[in-house]
């Protein structure tokens, strides 16, 4: 479920605590907040897909992920390479491994930023 939060930070903390009690998480995307199962995430989906390819081809694929919101950070953290697309979100995207050899941060927003990031990595190969 996606929503827009229009209340105080204190009330948000109470809301998040209640969601956590219910086994849910409150995640900020590029534009909206999302309520998800605590065990769900883009990183789990990516890891499942990577493992499926590994079983099929007996090799781990080289991965590149793109994202523009805080909820994309777990996905980008499990990728070999990552593009952080400049977005509207004031919190930004914070990665565990922000090595510039692995992570490119676009100057452009939206589709132009996605293209910029893809061009950056494809021109390096």
C-alpha atoms as a PDB file:
ATOM      1  CA  UNK A   1       0.000   0.000   0.000  1.00  0.00           C
ATOM      2  CA  UNK A   2       1.299   3.467  -0.857  1.00  0.00           C
ATOM      3  CA  UNK A   3       0.428   6.633   1.022  1.00  0.00           C
ATOM      4  CA  UNK A   4       1.367  10.233   1.607  1.00  0.00           C
ATOM      5  CA  UNK A   5       2.186  11.136   5.232  1.00  0.00           C
ATOM      6  CA  UNK A   6       0.766  14.479   6.403  1.00  0.00           C
ATOM      7  CA  UNK A   7       1.214  14.341  10.161  1.00  0.00           C
ATOM      8  CA  UNK A   8       3.984  14.968  12.680  1.00  0.00           C
ATOM      9  CA  UNK A   9       7.217  12.997  12.961  1.00  0.00           C
ATOM     10  CA  UNK A  10       6.107  11.932  16.446  1.00  0.00           C
ATOM     11  CA  UNK A  11       2.878  10.437  15.098  1.00  0.00           C
ATOM     12  CA  UNK A  12       4.846   8.771  12.313  1.00  0.00           C
ATOM     13  CA  UNK A  13       7.108   7.107  14.895  1.00  0.00           C
ATOM     14  CA  UNK A  14       4.002   5.792  16.685  1.00  0.00           C
ATOM     15  CA  UNK A  15       2.560   4.552  13.395  1.00  0.00           C
ATOM     16  CA  UNK A  16       5.828   2.816  12.466  1.00  0.00           C
ATOM     17  CA  UNK A  17       6.018   1.140  15.892  1.00  0.00           C
ATOM     18  CA  UNK A  18       2.482  -0.206  15.462  1.00  0.00           C
ATOM     19  CA  UNK A  19       3.258  -1.451  11.946  1.00  0.00           C
ATOM     20  CA  UNK A  20       6.390  -3.195  13.261  1.00  0.00           C
ATOM     21  CA  UNK A  21       4.257  -4.903  15.927  1.00  0.00           C
ATOM     22  CA  UNK A  22       2.126  -6.247  13.079  1.00  0.00           C
ATOM     23  CA  UNK A  23       5.139  -7.541  11.110  1.00  0.00           C
ATOM     24  CA  UNK A  24       5.064  -4.683   8.637  1.00  0.00           C
ATOM     25  CA  UNK A  25       7.555  -2.016   7.580  1.00  0.00           C
ATOM     26  CA  UNK A  26       7.103   1.607   6.513  1.00  0.00           C
ATOM     27  CA  UNK A  27       9.447   2.454   3.639  1.00  0.00           C
ATOM     28  CA  UNK A  28       9.993   5.793   1.917  1.00  0.00           C
ATOM     29  CA  UNK A  29      10.104   5.635  -1.845  1.00  0.00           C
ATOM     30  CA  UNK A  30      11.041   8.380  -4.270  1.00  0.00           C
ATOM     31  CA  UNK A  31       7.652  10.061  -3.852  1.00  0.00           C
ATOM     32  CA  UNK A  32       5.433   8.053  -1.499  1.00  0.00           C
ATOM     33  CA  UNK A  33       5.594   5.998   1.679  1.00  0.00           C
ATOM     34  CA  UNK A  34       4.860   2.272   1.366  1.00  0.00           C
ATOM     35  CA  UNK A  35       3.589  -0.290   3.862  1.00  0.00           C
ATOM     36  CA  UNK A  36       5.121  -3.708   3.159  1.00  0.00           C
ATOM     37  CA  UNK A  37       5.510  -7.056   4.818  1.00  0.00           C
ATOM     38  CA  UNK A  38       8.641  -6.849   6.988  1.00  0.00           C
ATOM     39  CA  UNK A  39      10.180  -9.786   5.123  1.00  0.00           C
ATOM     40  CA  UNK A  40       9.520  -8.273   1.681  1.00  0.00           C
ATOM     41  CA  UNK A  41      11.900  -6.115  -0.257  1.00  0.00           C
ATOM     42  CA  UNK A  42      13.469  -5.484  -3.616  1.00  0.00           C
ATOM     43  CA  UNK A  43      16.707  -7.025  -2.362  1.00  0.00           C
ATOM     44  CA  UNK A  44      14.991 -10.348  -1.599  1.00  0.00           C
ATOM     45  CA  UNK A  45      13.429 -10.385  -5.062  1.00  0.00           C
ATOM     46  CA  UNK A  46      16.775  -9.601  -6.704  1.00  0.00           C
ATOM     47  CA  UNK A  47      18.579 -12.270  -4.681  1.00  0.00           C
ATOM     48  CA  UNK A  48      15.918 -14.815  -5.666  1.00  0.00           C
ATOM     49  CA  UNK A  49      16.368 -13.937  -9.357  1.00  0.00           C
ATOM     50  CA  UNK A  50      20.178 -14.020  -9.116  1.00  0.00           C
ATOM     51  CA  UNK A  51      19.995 -17.453  -7.485  1.00  0.00           C
ATOM     52  CA  UNK A  52      17.606 -18.710 -10.190  1.00  0.00           C
ATOM     53  CA  UNK A  53      20.084 -17.628 -12.886  1.00  0.00           C
ATOM     54  CA  UNK A  54      22.946 -19.198 -10.947  1.00  0.00           C
ATOM     55  CA  UNK A  55      21.106 -22.541 -10.776  1.00  0.00           C
ATOM     56  CA  UNK A  56      20.163 -22.404 -14.463  1.00  0.00           C
ATOM     57  CA  UNK A  57      23.525 -21.284 -15.870  1.00  0.00           C
ATOM     58  CA  UNK A  58      25.863 -22.441 -13.069  1.00  0.00           C
ATOM     59  CA  UNK A  59      27.356 -18.952 -12.864  1.00  0.00           C
ATOM     60  CA  UNK A  60      26.425 -15.792 -11.048  1.00  0.00           C
ATOM     61  CA  UNK A  61      25.242 -13.075 -13.447  1.00  0.00           C
ATOM     62  CA  UNK A  62      26.797  -9.625 -13.373  1.00  0.00           C
ATOM     63  CA  UNK A  63      24.133  -7.283 -12.022  1.00  0.00           C
ATOM     64  CA  UNK A  64      23.323  -3.594 -12.437  1.00  0.00           C
ATOM     65  CA  UNK A  65      20.504  -1.940 -10.503  1.00  0.00           C
ATOM     66  CA  UNK A  66      18.966   1.511 -10.803  1.00  0.00           C
ATOM     67  CA  UNK A  67      16.931   3.413  -8.249  1.00  0.00           C
ATOM     68  CA  UNK A  68      15.903   6.879  -7.154  1.00  0.00           C
ATOM     69  CA  UNK A  69      14.451   6.489  -3.666  1.00  0.00           C
ATOM     70  CA  UNK A  70      15.412   5.277  -0.194  1.00  0.00           C
ATOM     71  CA  UNK A  71      13.404   2.086  -0.738  1.00  0.00           C
ATOM     72  CA  UNK A  72      15.774   1.216  -3.607  1.00  0.00           C
ATOM     73  CA  UNK A  73      18.881   1.152  -1.369  1.00  0.00           C
ATOM     74  CA  UNK A  74      18.536  -2.527  -0.325  1.00  0.00           C
ATOM     75  CA  UNK A  75      18.253  -3.523  -4.004  1.00  0.00           C
ATOM     76  CA  UNK A  76      21.248  -1.420  -5.018  1.00  0.00           C
ATOM     77  CA  UNK A  77      23.273  -2.839  -2.118  1.00  0.00           C
ATOM     78  CA  UNK A  78      22.985  -6.403  -3.492  1.00  0.00           C
ATOM     79  CA  UNK A  79      23.900  -5.425  -7.060  1.00  0.00           C
ATOM     80  CA  UNK A  80      27.426  -5.606  -8.451  1.00  0.00           C
ATOM     81  CA  UNK A  81      26.955  -2.108  -9.886  1.00  0.00           C
ATOM     82  CA  UNK A  82      24.393   0.554  -9.067  1.00  0.00           C
ATOM     83  CA  UNK A  83      23.014   3.760 -10.504  1.00  0.00           C
ATOM     84  CA  UNK A  84      21.460   6.190  -8.055  1.00  0.00           C
ATOM     85  CA  UNK A  85      19.201   8.349 -10.182  1.00  0.00           C
ATOM     86  CA  UNK A  86      18.862  11.903  -8.924  1.00  0.00           C
ATOM     87  CA  UNK A  87      15.372  12.182  -7.529  1.00  0.00           C
ATOM     88  CA  UNK A  88      12.883  14.385  -5.800  1.00  0.00           C
ATOM     89  CA  UNK A  89      13.355  12.705  -2.434  1.00  0.00           C
ATOM     90  CA  UNK A  90      14.993  14.942   0.156  1.00  0.00           C
ATOM     91  CA  UNK A  91      16.443  12.006   2.112  1.00  0.00           C
ATOM     92  CA  UNK A  92      18.488  10.729  -0.798  1.00  0.00           C
ATOM     93  CA  UNK A  93      19.651   7.161  -1.275  1.00  0.00           C
ATOM     94  CA  UNK A  94      22.242   5.927   1.235  1.00  0.00           C
ATOM     95  CA  UNK A  95      24.131   2.747   0.336  1.00  0.00           C
ATOM     96  CA  UNK A  96      26.241   0.474   2.533  1.00  0.00           C
ATOM     97  CA  UNK A  97      28.924   0.357  -0.189  1.00  0.00           C
ATOM     98  CA  UNK A  98      29.102   3.686  -1.996  1.00  0.00           C
ATOM     99  CA  UNK A  99      32.412   2.925  -3.770  1.00  0.00           C
ATOM    100  CA  UNK A 100      32.570   5.143  -6.903  1.00  0.00           C
ATOM    101  CA  UNK A 101      33.916   2.173  -8.894  1.00  0.00           C
ATOM    102  CA  UNK A 102      30.607   0.426  -8.150  1.00  0.00           C
ATOM    103  CA  UNK A 103      28.110   3.282  -7.838  1.00  0.00           C
ATOM    104  CA  UNK A 104      27.270   6.048 -10.300  1.00  0.00           C
ATOM    105  CA  UNK A 105      25.090   8.982  -9.170  1.00  0.00           C
ATOM    106  CA  UNK A 106      23.293  10.691 -12.053  1.00  0.00           C
ATOM    107  CA  UNK A 107      23.168  14.426 -12.586  1.00  0.00           C
ATOM    108  CA  UNK A 108      19.785  14.171 -14.314  1.00  0.00           C
ATOM    109  CA  UNK A 109      16.424  13.179 -12.837  1.00  0.00           C
ATOM    110  CA  UNK A 110      13.858  10.684 -14.040  1.00  0.00           C
ATOM    111  CA  UNK A 111      14.212   8.976 -17.424  1.00  0.00           C
ATOM    112  CA  UNK A 112      17.155  11.188 -18.395  1.00  0.00           C
ATOM    113  CA  UNK A 113      18.977  10.091 -15.241  1.00  0.00           C
ATOM    114  CA  UNK A 114      18.226   6.434 -15.941  1.00  0.00           C
ATOM    115  CA  UNK A 115      19.605   6.802 -19.474  1.00  0.00           C
ATOM    116  CA  UNK A 116      22.650   8.682 -18.156  1.00  0.00           C
ATOM    117  CA  UNK A 117      23.401   5.869 -15.702  1.00  0.00           C
ATOM    118  CA  UNK A 118      22.984   3.126 -18.291  1.00  0.00           C
ATOM    119  CA  UNK A 119      25.162   5.036 -20.774  1.00  0.00           C
ATOM    120  CA  UNK A 120      27.827   5.439 -18.079  1.00  0.00           C
ATOM    121  CA  UNK A 121      28.118   1.723 -17.377  1.00  0.00           C
ATOM    122  CA  UNK A 122      27.678   0.524 -20.964  1.00  0.00           C
ATOM    123  CA  UNK A 123      30.386   2.909 -22.179  1.00  0.00           C
ATOM    124  CA  UNK A 124      32.830   1.369 -19.670  1.00  0.00           C
ATOM    125  CA  UNK A 125      32.543  -2.167 -21.038  1.00  0.00           C
END
